[in-house]
Amino acid sequence: MTYGCQIVTAPLKTVDNSGDIGVIMGDIGRRAKAAARVMALAPEEQKDAALAAMAAAIRNAAGEILDANTDDVAEAKTGGATAAFVDRLQLDERRVAAMADGVGVVRALPDPVGTVIDSWTRPNGLRIERVRVPLGVIGVIYESRPNVTADAGALALKAGNAVILRGGSESFRSARAIHRALSAGLAAAGLPHDAIALVPTRDRAAVGEMLRGLDGAIDVLVPRGGKGLVARVQAEAHVPVFAHLDGNCHIYVDGAAELAMAKTILLNAKLRRTGVCGAAETLLVDRACAATHLAPLVVMLLDAGCEVRGDPETRKIDPRVKPASESDWSTEYLDAIIAAKVVDGVDGAIAHIEGHGSHHTDAIVTQNRAAADKFLTNVDSAIVLHNASTQFADGGEFGFGAEIGIATGRLHARGPVGVEQLTTFKYRIHGSGQIRP
């Protein structure tokens, strides 16, 4: 099939702490803006062809990607990176395959662009349609996770956007290797290379340029990283931001919870991967079942190597439990540490989460449907779960293929930000000569 779009320009050369960053970033912004106009009009089959080629290119380049990642991991370890940080950074054959699979899932999703969300006819005969359109240029600033390169690139493309990726210095080599595979997919489908741009420098001044919006080129920013990065982006950005500051996620074990289920869910939610934003950071146990459930849950965590910081009731369970400070109830550890507390039923759990939570992801374990419904209705978080692990807070697990991030704000996008959330809408109005009296 022949496509009407041409490759716009050759890729930018890698720059490392040299040159005029403002000039470099301004050029990237202008090129991305031009590419966004092409992407907004690209037909679904052309975008899907690019995504198929990207997935294949990632698989074919697995060795190159892993070699680059090995160098990144070695540098991070030399610099004293924590085990949780290394886990976020490190790739293996399974994770590279999962990246490629995620691109394939995004390809199989319905194209949101042009979808008529709603339509109605006014008494004067005007027919009004609300139609999905791309956001434009998305800027993604991320730290250690190299897979964000593929996830963000694929999602932005499917939704008809251009994207500017600024990966962390820790994952610089890995991101470049993945980006080369994405570029090959764009070229194979005749789409502009600048539709997925990777900032070619580790210089942190590039982040400041993106926060200022690149002279109007960037339409929305998505930060993916630690609290310091997200806080800076939210404070300094001159454009809208999709983000969450903390992932202080809770597991509440209700009085009507099955102990075996609660143990399985808690162990997975806390220790499957401690460095992800959906990892549980606080355990709340209903006083009604504390006598039977608290000790097995706490001892299980301790025996699995998890540090437990508890309230006075929890500390009585085992001498290994450390005292919890007030700050522990609001802390996102991203490590094998959890705070534990006994609360007075579902109302106590809701009150604790409202006072200390981050509106990210919270779960209730119970066989009492009324308690579950009350929790799901009253907990004001982007994601609430009943009898399931908080680690399902992931766009891939939602069927989105991937996510560009998780947002806890209340405007436009909330929860995992996937293809649909990377569009906005406009109104199309069809008339037959009507004028306003």
Foldseek 3Di string as FASTA:
>chain_A
DDDPAAADDDADDFDAPDDDLLVLLLVLLVLQQVLLVVLQPGDLVLLLQLLLQLLVLLLVCVVQLQVLLVVLLVVCVVVPHDPLLSVQQHDDNVRSNLLSQLSVLLSPDDQQFQDFPDWDADPVGKIKTKGWTFLEEEEEEEERHLSLLSQVLSLQSSNSYAYEYEYAPSNLSSNVSSLVSSLSSCNVSRRYSSSYHYRNYNDCVNVVCVLAPSVVSHAEYEYYYALVVVVCSVVRHPHHYFAFNALAEEEEEFLAFDQVLSLVQLCCLAPVRLQDSLRHAEYEYAPNCCVPRLLVNVVSLVVVPAAEAEDPVSCVNDVSHHHDDPCSLQDSPSDSYHYYYYAHGLVRVLVSCVVRNRLAEYEYGHPDVVSRVCNVVRRNHLYYYYSHHSVCQFCVSVSLSGASHAGGDDPQDHGGHGNSSSIGIDMDMDDDDDDDD
